[in-house]
Structures are given as structure tokens and as C-alpha cells.
N, C-alpha and C. Protein backbone atom coordinates (compact mmCIF):
# COMPACT_ATOMS: atom_id res chain seq x y z
N MET A 1 57.29 -44.82 14.52
CA MET A 1 58.13 -43.71 14.32
C MET A 1 58.63 -43.04 15.41
N LYS A 2 59.74 -43.30 15.77
CA LYS A 2 60.14 -42.34 16.83
C LYS A 2 60.62 -40.99 16.69
N LYS A 3 60.16 -40.03 17.68
CA LYS A 3 60.30 -39.00 17.77
C LYS A 3 61.42 -38.49 18.75
N ILE A 4 62.91 -37.47 18.21
CA ILE A 4 63.81 -37.12 19.35
C ILE A 4 62.95 -36.26 20.24
N ILE A 5 63.01 -36.21 21.44
CA ILE A 5 63.02 -35.19 22.17
C ILE A 5 63.98 -34.36 22.88
N PHE A 6 64.27 -33.08 22.65
CA PHE A 6 65.26 -32.50 23.09
C PHE A 6 64.74 -30.98 23.81
N THR A 7 65.31 -30.54 25.01
CA THR A 7 65.31 -29.25 25.30
C THR A 7 66.18 -28.86 25.90
N ALA A 8 66.57 -27.48 25.64
CA ALA A 8 67.72 -26.60 26.29
C ALA A 8 67.56 -26.55 27.73
N LYS A 9 66.02 -26.88 28.03
CA LYS A 9 66.10 -26.67 29.72
C LYS A 9 66.29 -27.85 30.70
N ALA A 10 66.90 -28.71 29.99
CA ALA A 10 67.42 -30.05 30.62
C ALA A 10 69.16 -30.19 30.01
N PRO A 11 69.92 -30.82 30.83
CA PRO A 11 71.23 -30.96 30.35
C PRO A 11 71.14 -31.48 29.03
N ALA A 12 72.14 -31.31 28.15
CA ALA A 12 72.45 -31.65 26.75
C ALA A 12 72.99 -33.15 27.18
N PRO A 13 72.69 -34.17 26.39
CA PRO A 13 73.30 -35.53 26.35
C PRO A 13 74.88 -35.28 26.53
N ILE A 14 75.67 -36.32 27.29
CA ILE A 14 77.06 -36.39 27.21
C ILE A 14 77.58 -37.51 26.70
N GLY A 15 76.47 -38.00 25.75
CA GLY A 15 77.00 -39.22 25.27
C GLY A 15 76.06 -39.52 24.13
N PRO A 16 76.17 -40.70 23.35
CA PRO A 16 75.46 -41.12 22.24
C PRO A 16 73.92 -41.46 22.56
N TYR A 17 73.28 -40.48 22.99
CA TYR A 17 71.87 -40.75 23.24
C TYR A 17 71.09 -39.49 23.67
N ASN A 18 69.82 -39.29 23.54
CA ASN A 18 68.87 -38.43 23.47
C ASN A 18 68.34 -38.12 24.85
N GLN A 19 67.51 -37.16 25.12
CA GLN A 19 66.97 -36.94 26.71
C GLN A 19 65.98 -37.85 26.57
N ALA A 20 65.35 -38.06 25.47
CA ALA A 20 63.83 -38.72 25.23
C ALA A 20 63.70 -39.35 23.75
N VAL A 21 62.67 -40.42 23.87
CA VAL A 21 62.38 -40.77 22.81
C VAL A 21 60.73 -41.06 22.87
N LEU A 22 59.95 -40.50 21.86
CA LEU A 22 58.60 -40.39 21.91
C LEU A 22 58.24 -41.58 20.70
N ILE A 23 57.51 -42.47 21.34
CA ILE A 23 57.10 -43.57 20.24
C ILE A 23 55.52 -43.64 20.31
N LYS A 24 54.99 -43.03 19.27
CA LYS A 24 53.33 -42.97 19.29
C LYS A 24 53.03 -41.98 20.69
N ASP A 25 52.48 -42.80 21.80
CA ASP A 25 52.28 -41.95 22.82
C ASP A 25 52.94 -42.19 24.02
N THR A 26 54.13 -42.96 23.94
CA THR A 26 54.59 -43.20 25.26
C THR A 26 56.09 -42.75 24.99
N LEU A 27 56.71 -41.98 25.96
CA LEU A 27 57.79 -41.53 26.17
C LEU A 27 58.77 -42.20 27.06
N TYR A 28 60.06 -42.68 26.43
CA TYR A 28 61.02 -43.16 27.34
C TYR A 28 61.97 -42.12 27.53
N THR A 29 62.46 -41.94 28.80
CA THR A 29 63.59 -40.86 29.29
C THR A 29 64.77 -41.43 29.54
N SER A 30 65.98 -40.97 29.00
CA SER A 30 67.23 -41.33 29.46
C SER A 30 67.37 -41.07 31.05
N GLY A 31 68.08 -41.53 31.59
CA GLY A 31 68.27 -41.13 32.96
C GLY A 31 68.77 -39.70 33.13
N GLN A 32 68.43 -39.05 34.25
CA GLN A 32 68.81 -37.85 34.47
C GLN A 32 69.75 -37.66 35.57
N ILE A 33 70.72 -36.77 35.77
CA ILE A 33 71.59 -36.75 36.71
C ILE A 33 71.49 -35.12 37.30
N ALA A 34 72.18 -34.78 38.21
CA ALA A 34 72.02 -33.31 38.66
C ALA A 34 72.89 -32.32 38.07
N LEU A 35 72.65 -32.51 36.58
CA LEU A 35 73.46 -31.48 35.70
C LEU A 35 72.67 -29.93 35.46
N HIS A 36 73.28 -29.26 36.03
CA HIS A 36 72.51 -27.74 35.79
C HIS A 36 72.44 -27.74 34.09
N PRO A 37 71.29 -27.36 33.70
CA PRO A 37 71.19 -27.35 32.28
C PRO A 37 71.82 -26.19 31.71
N GLU A 38 72.23 -24.96 32.05
CA GLU A 38 72.93 -24.05 31.49
C GLU A 38 74.25 -23.91 31.78
N THR A 39 74.76 -24.51 32.78
CA THR A 39 76.17 -24.37 33.06
C THR A 39 76.73 -25.73 32.92
N MET A 40 76.16 -26.77 32.85
CA MET A 40 76.25 -28.15 32.98
C MET A 40 77.31 -28.60 33.97
N GLU A 41 77.19 -27.77 35.16
CA GLU A 41 78.07 -27.97 36.43
C GLU A 41 77.08 -28.88 37.22
N LEU A 42 77.65 -29.86 38.00
CA LEU A 42 76.73 -30.83 38.64
C LEU A 42 76.60 -30.02 40.28
N ILE A 43 75.17 -30.47 40.73
CA ILE A 43 74.59 -29.71 41.87
C ILE A 43 74.86 -30.84 42.83
N LEU A 44 75.83 -30.74 43.80
CA LEU A 44 75.87 -31.96 44.52
C LEU A 44 76.10 -31.38 46.05
N ASP A 45 75.10 -30.29 46.40
CA ASP A 45 75.35 -29.66 47.68
C ASP A 45 75.10 -30.67 48.69
N ASP A 46 74.10 -31.29 48.65
CA ASP A 46 73.27 -32.23 49.53
C ASP A 46 72.43 -33.08 48.59
N ILE A 47 71.80 -34.21 49.08
CA ILE A 47 71.35 -35.27 48.30
C ILE A 47 69.73 -34.67 48.06
N GLU A 48 69.09 -34.00 48.88
CA GLU A 48 68.07 -33.02 48.66
C GLU A 48 68.21 -32.44 47.54
N THR A 49 69.28 -31.54 47.40
CA THR A 49 69.39 -30.37 46.28
C THR A 49 69.87 -31.38 45.24
N GLU A 50 70.60 -32.21 45.03
CA GLU A 50 70.94 -33.16 44.01
C GLU A 50 69.62 -33.68 43.71
N THR A 51 68.71 -34.31 44.43
CA THR A 51 67.43 -34.92 44.02
C THR A 51 66.55 -33.87 43.21
N LYS A 52 66.46 -32.79 43.67
CA LYS A 52 65.45 -31.80 43.19
C LYS A 52 66.03 -31.31 42.06
N GLN A 53 67.40 -31.07 41.53
CA GLN A 53 67.70 -30.82 40.39
C GLN A 53 67.59 -31.93 39.42
N VAL A 54 67.75 -33.27 39.84
CA VAL A 54 67.41 -34.36 38.85
C VAL A 54 65.82 -34.27 38.33
N MET A 55 65.04 -33.88 39.37
CA MET A 55 63.74 -33.93 39.02
C MET A 55 63.28 -32.87 38.22
N GLU A 56 64.23 -31.82 38.55
CA GLU A 56 63.70 -30.51 37.48
C GLU A 56 64.08 -30.57 36.18
N ASN A 57 65.09 -31.49 36.14
CA ASN A 57 65.60 -31.72 34.76
C ASN A 57 64.61 -32.71 34.10
N MET A 58 64.06 -33.75 34.93
CA MET A 58 63.02 -34.78 34.34
C MET A 58 61.80 -33.65 33.96
N LYS A 59 61.43 -32.76 34.76
CA LYS A 59 60.22 -31.76 34.37
C LYS A 59 60.24 -31.29 33.06
N ALA A 60 61.42 -31.08 32.89
CA ALA A 60 61.78 -30.20 31.78
C ALA A 60 61.82 -31.27 30.30
N VAL A 61 62.10 -32.14 30.63
CA VAL A 61 62.11 -33.01 29.41
C VAL A 61 60.50 -33.59 29.13
N LEU A 62 59.79 -33.98 30.29
CA LEU A 62 58.54 -34.25 30.40
C LEU A 62 57.65 -33.10 29.53
N GLU A 63 57.93 -31.68 29.85
CA GLU A 63 57.31 -30.58 29.26
C GLU A 63 57.43 -30.54 27.88
N ALA A 64 58.64 -30.74 27.70
CA ALA A 64 59.28 -30.98 26.02
C ALA A 64 58.64 -31.92 25.11
N ALA A 65 58.00 -32.71 25.93
CA ALA A 65 57.06 -33.85 25.00
C ALA A 65 55.52 -33.45 25.32
N ASP A 66 55.17 -32.13 25.82
CA ASP A 66 53.78 -31.93 26.41
C ASP A 66 53.19 -32.98 27.29
N MET A 67 53.90 -33.17 28.40
CA MET A 67 53.63 -34.00 29.54
C MET A 67 53.94 -33.46 31.06
N THR A 68 53.71 -33.90 31.72
CA THR A 68 53.80 -33.66 33.31
C THR A 68 54.05 -34.89 33.91
N PHE A 69 54.07 -34.72 35.07
CA PHE A 69 54.62 -35.98 35.89
C PHE A 69 53.45 -36.87 36.26
N GLU A 70 52.16 -36.31 35.79
CA GLU A 70 50.82 -37.16 35.82
C GLU A 70 51.00 -38.37 35.02
N ASN A 71 51.72 -38.04 33.79
CA ASN A 71 51.79 -39.25 32.75
C ASN A 71 52.98 -40.17 32.96
N VAL A 72 53.52 -39.94 33.81
CA VAL A 72 54.30 -40.75 34.37
C VAL A 72 53.93 -42.44 35.00
N VAL A 73 54.47 -43.29 34.07
CA VAL A 73 53.58 -44.70 34.50
C VAL A 73 54.69 -45.59 35.21
N LYS A 74 55.94 -45.20 34.92
CA LYS A 74 57.29 -45.91 35.53
C LYS A 74 58.48 -45.15 35.91
N ALA A 75 59.06 -45.54 36.74
CA ALA A 75 60.14 -44.78 37.14
C ALA A 75 61.11 -45.82 37.80
N THR A 76 62.65 -45.39 37.33
CA THR A 76 63.68 -46.17 37.75
C THR A 76 64.66 -45.11 38.69
N ILE A 77 64.87 -45.43 39.93
CA ILE A 77 65.65 -44.71 40.72
C ILE A 77 67.03 -45.47 41.00
N PHE A 78 68.13 -44.92 40.35
CA PHE A 78 69.26 -45.44 40.88
C PHE A 78 70.40 -44.72 41.84
N ILE A 79 70.68 -45.56 43.13
CA ILE A 79 71.32 -44.60 44.01
C ILE A 79 72.37 -45.12 44.42
N MET A 80 73.35 -44.22 45.03
CA MET A 80 74.79 -44.85 45.29
C MET A 80 74.78 -45.78 47.08
N ASN A 81 73.94 -44.87 47.54
CA ASN A 81 73.67 -45.07 49.11
C ASN A 81 72.27 -45.64 49.41
N MET A 82 71.65 -46.70 49.72
CA MET A 82 70.51 -47.09 50.00
C MET A 82 70.13 -46.24 51.49
N GLY A 83 71.19 -45.67 52.30
CA GLY A 83 70.94 -44.85 53.15
C GLY A 83 70.27 -43.37 53.11
N ASP A 84 70.60 -42.97 51.74
CA ASP A 84 69.86 -41.78 51.16
C ASP A 84 68.35 -41.94 50.58
N PHE A 85 67.91 -43.17 50.82
CA PHE A 85 66.87 -43.36 50.29
C PHE A 85 65.71 -42.73 50.91
N ALA A 86 65.55 -42.56 52.10
CA ALA A 86 64.20 -41.76 52.88
C ALA A 86 64.40 -40.15 52.20
N ARG A 87 65.57 -39.69 52.18
CA ARG A 87 65.88 -38.20 51.71
C ARG A 87 65.46 -38.00 50.45
N ILE A 88 66.04 -38.97 49.66
CA ILE A 88 65.71 -39.06 48.03
C ILE A 88 64.34 -39.26 47.71
N ASN A 89 63.40 -40.04 48.53
CA ASN A 89 62.21 -40.40 48.47
C ASN A 89 61.45 -39.38 48.71
N SER A 90 61.50 -38.39 49.55
CA SER A 90 60.76 -37.13 50.21
C SER A 90 60.94 -36.28 49.03
N VAL A 91 62.03 -36.21 48.54
CA VAL A 91 62.07 -35.27 47.08
C VAL A 91 61.27 -35.48 46.12
N TYR A 92 61.40 -36.60 45.76
CA TYR A 92 61.03 -37.27 44.56
C TYR A 92 59.37 -37.62 44.81
N GLY A 93 59.26 -37.80 45.70
CA GLY A 93 57.47 -37.61 46.18
C GLY A 93 56.99 -36.64 46.08
N SER A 94 57.41 -35.63 46.35
CA SER A 94 56.65 -34.44 46.23
C SER A 94 56.52 -33.90 45.10
N TYR A 95 56.97 -34.34 44.02
CA TYR A 95 56.62 -34.09 42.48
C TYR A 95 55.31 -35.13 41.98
N PHE A 96 54.74 -36.09 42.88
CA PHE A 96 53.78 -36.73 42.56
C PHE A 96 52.48 -36.58 43.28
N ASP A 97 51.42 -36.90 43.01
CA ASP A 97 50.13 -37.34 43.84
C ASP A 97 50.27 -38.69 44.10
N GLU A 98 50.56 -38.99 45.42
CA GLU A 98 50.48 -40.17 45.89
C GLU A 98 49.66 -41.41 45.71
N LYS A 99 48.41 -40.70 45.48
CA LYS A 99 47.21 -41.47 44.91
C LYS A 99 47.55 -41.88 43.38
N THR A 100 48.15 -41.15 42.59
CA THR A 100 48.44 -41.74 40.91
C THR A 100 49.90 -42.00 40.83
N ALA A 101 50.83 -42.01 41.71
CA ALA A 101 51.91 -41.94 41.50
C ALA A 101 52.42 -43.05 40.68
N PRO A 102 53.44 -43.41 40.06
CA PRO A 102 53.62 -44.39 38.82
C PRO A 102 54.43 -45.70 39.85
N ALA A 103 54.43 -46.81 38.87
CA ALA A 103 55.16 -48.05 39.46
C ALA A 103 56.62 -47.52 39.43
N ARG A 104 57.55 -48.27 40.34
CA ARG A 104 58.77 -47.61 40.64
C ARG A 104 59.75 -48.66 41.13
N GLU A 105 61.18 -48.76 40.64
CA GLU A 105 62.12 -49.39 41.52
C GLU A 105 62.97 -48.75 41.88
N THR A 106 63.80 -49.00 43.02
CA THR A 106 64.94 -48.16 43.38
C THR A 106 65.94 -49.27 43.65
N VAL A 107 67.21 -48.57 43.17
CA VAL A 107 68.47 -49.97 43.24
C VAL A 107 69.64 -49.18 43.50
N GLN A 108 70.24 -49.94 44.58
CA GLN A 108 71.67 -49.45 44.57
C GLN A 108 72.62 -49.79 43.81
N VAL A 109 73.48 -49.13 43.55
CA VAL A 109 74.54 -49.37 42.46
C VAL A 109 75.88 -48.93 42.67
N ALA A 110 76.73 -49.55 42.28
CA ALA A 110 78.13 -49.29 42.45
C ALA A 110 78.70 -47.85 42.28
N CYS A 111 78.19 -47.58 41.03
CA CYS A 111 78.89 -46.35 40.67
C CYS A 111 77.88 -45.57 39.68
N LEU A 112 77.77 -44.19 39.39
CA LEU A 112 76.85 -43.71 38.77
C LEU A 112 77.71 -42.74 37.74
N PRO A 113 77.09 -42.49 36.46
CA PRO A 113 78.11 -41.31 35.63
C PRO A 113 78.48 -40.12 36.55
N LYS A 114 79.76 -39.63 36.24
CA LYS A 114 80.04 -38.56 36.85
C LYS A 114 80.14 -38.65 38.57
N ASN A 115 79.93 -39.71 38.98
CA ASN A 115 80.28 -39.92 40.32
C ASN A 115 78.89 -39.24 41.12
N VAL A 116 78.07 -39.46 40.71
CA VAL A 116 76.75 -38.66 41.40
C VAL A 116 76.15 -39.80 42.10
N ASN A 117 75.23 -38.95 43.04
CA ASN A 117 74.57 -40.07 44.10
C ASN A 117 73.47 -40.46 43.60
N VAL A 118 72.64 -39.83 42.90
CA VAL A 118 71.32 -40.64 42.27
C VAL A 118 70.96 -40.33 40.73
N GLU A 119 70.52 -41.09 39.91
CA GLU A 119 69.96 -41.06 38.74
C GLU A 119 68.55 -41.53 38.55
N ILE A 120 67.44 -40.78 37.63
CA ILE A 120 66.26 -41.34 37.53
C ILE A 120 66.03 -41.29 36.07
N SER A 121 65.30 -42.15 35.99
CA SER A 121 64.65 -42.45 34.31
C SER A 121 63.13 -42.42 34.51
N MET A 122 62.37 -42.43 33.56
CA MET A 122 60.79 -42.58 33.59
C MET A 122 60.31 -42.98 32.32
N ILE A 123 59.15 -43.68 32.60
CA ILE A 123 58.48 -43.84 31.06
C ILE A 123 57.10 -43.16 31.48
N ALA A 124 56.65 -42.49 30.36
CA ALA A 124 55.39 -41.81 30.49
C ALA A 124 54.45 -41.90 29.26
N VAL A 125 53.15 -41.87 29.49
CA VAL A 125 52.10 -42.01 28.48
C VAL A 125 51.29 -40.96 28.22
N LYS A 126 50.80 -40.47 27.12
CA LYS A 126 49.74 -39.39 27.12
C LYS A 126 48.40 -39.86 27.09
């Protein structure tokens, strides 16, 4: 049975999807972008601030499923410019213990929703 995860502490979906779906002990998150959950305004000041907002949104979704970044086993990062990789990676890495960090791929894409610079999705297990 799937359980839909929703929290007002992360941006509401802007399409026909949910923030996350929990199946047994596995959480599948939708991609998060740098939308502020209260205002639904994009936070695009610089790539570090944008990435931090994405990670804070993801943190809220994980918490809504009674999980933390320690539960994350897989992450996918989509970025517009591979030249931003080091700066995105620095912010992203601050949310994990490097010794127990999840598996991950990072791919450069042609375009992301709302023309943002970074989108991140995760899979977590209790």
C-alpha cells in the first residue's frame, strides 16, 4: 500500500504529483526545486542559496515521513550548468555525513521546471 506524504513545510506540488510516496519502509521523493514553501516564490539569489532551499525543502519532506538525511540511500541531482557542480556539491554535502552519504548521480540537463538551476530527488529507507 502506498502512503502519500505531504507537508506544508515544503512547496505544494505544482502538477499532478505528490511530494513523496511511502511504500512499506521506502520513501520516493519527487524532485524539489528552490520554491519557498510559504510564498511559493523561487529563491534564486545564487547557486548556493538555491541549493540550500532545495535541501531544506527535501529535509521537510523527509521529516514528514519521520526520516532524516541519514535514511537517504540514493539521490539524483539535475543541474543546468556543470560549472556549478562544485558549489552545489558543497551545499549538498553539508547535509550528509560523508562516511554514510547515499549513492548519487549528477546530470546536466537542457532545462528544469521554472528555469531553475538545480533539482534534487531522493530515495530513503527506514
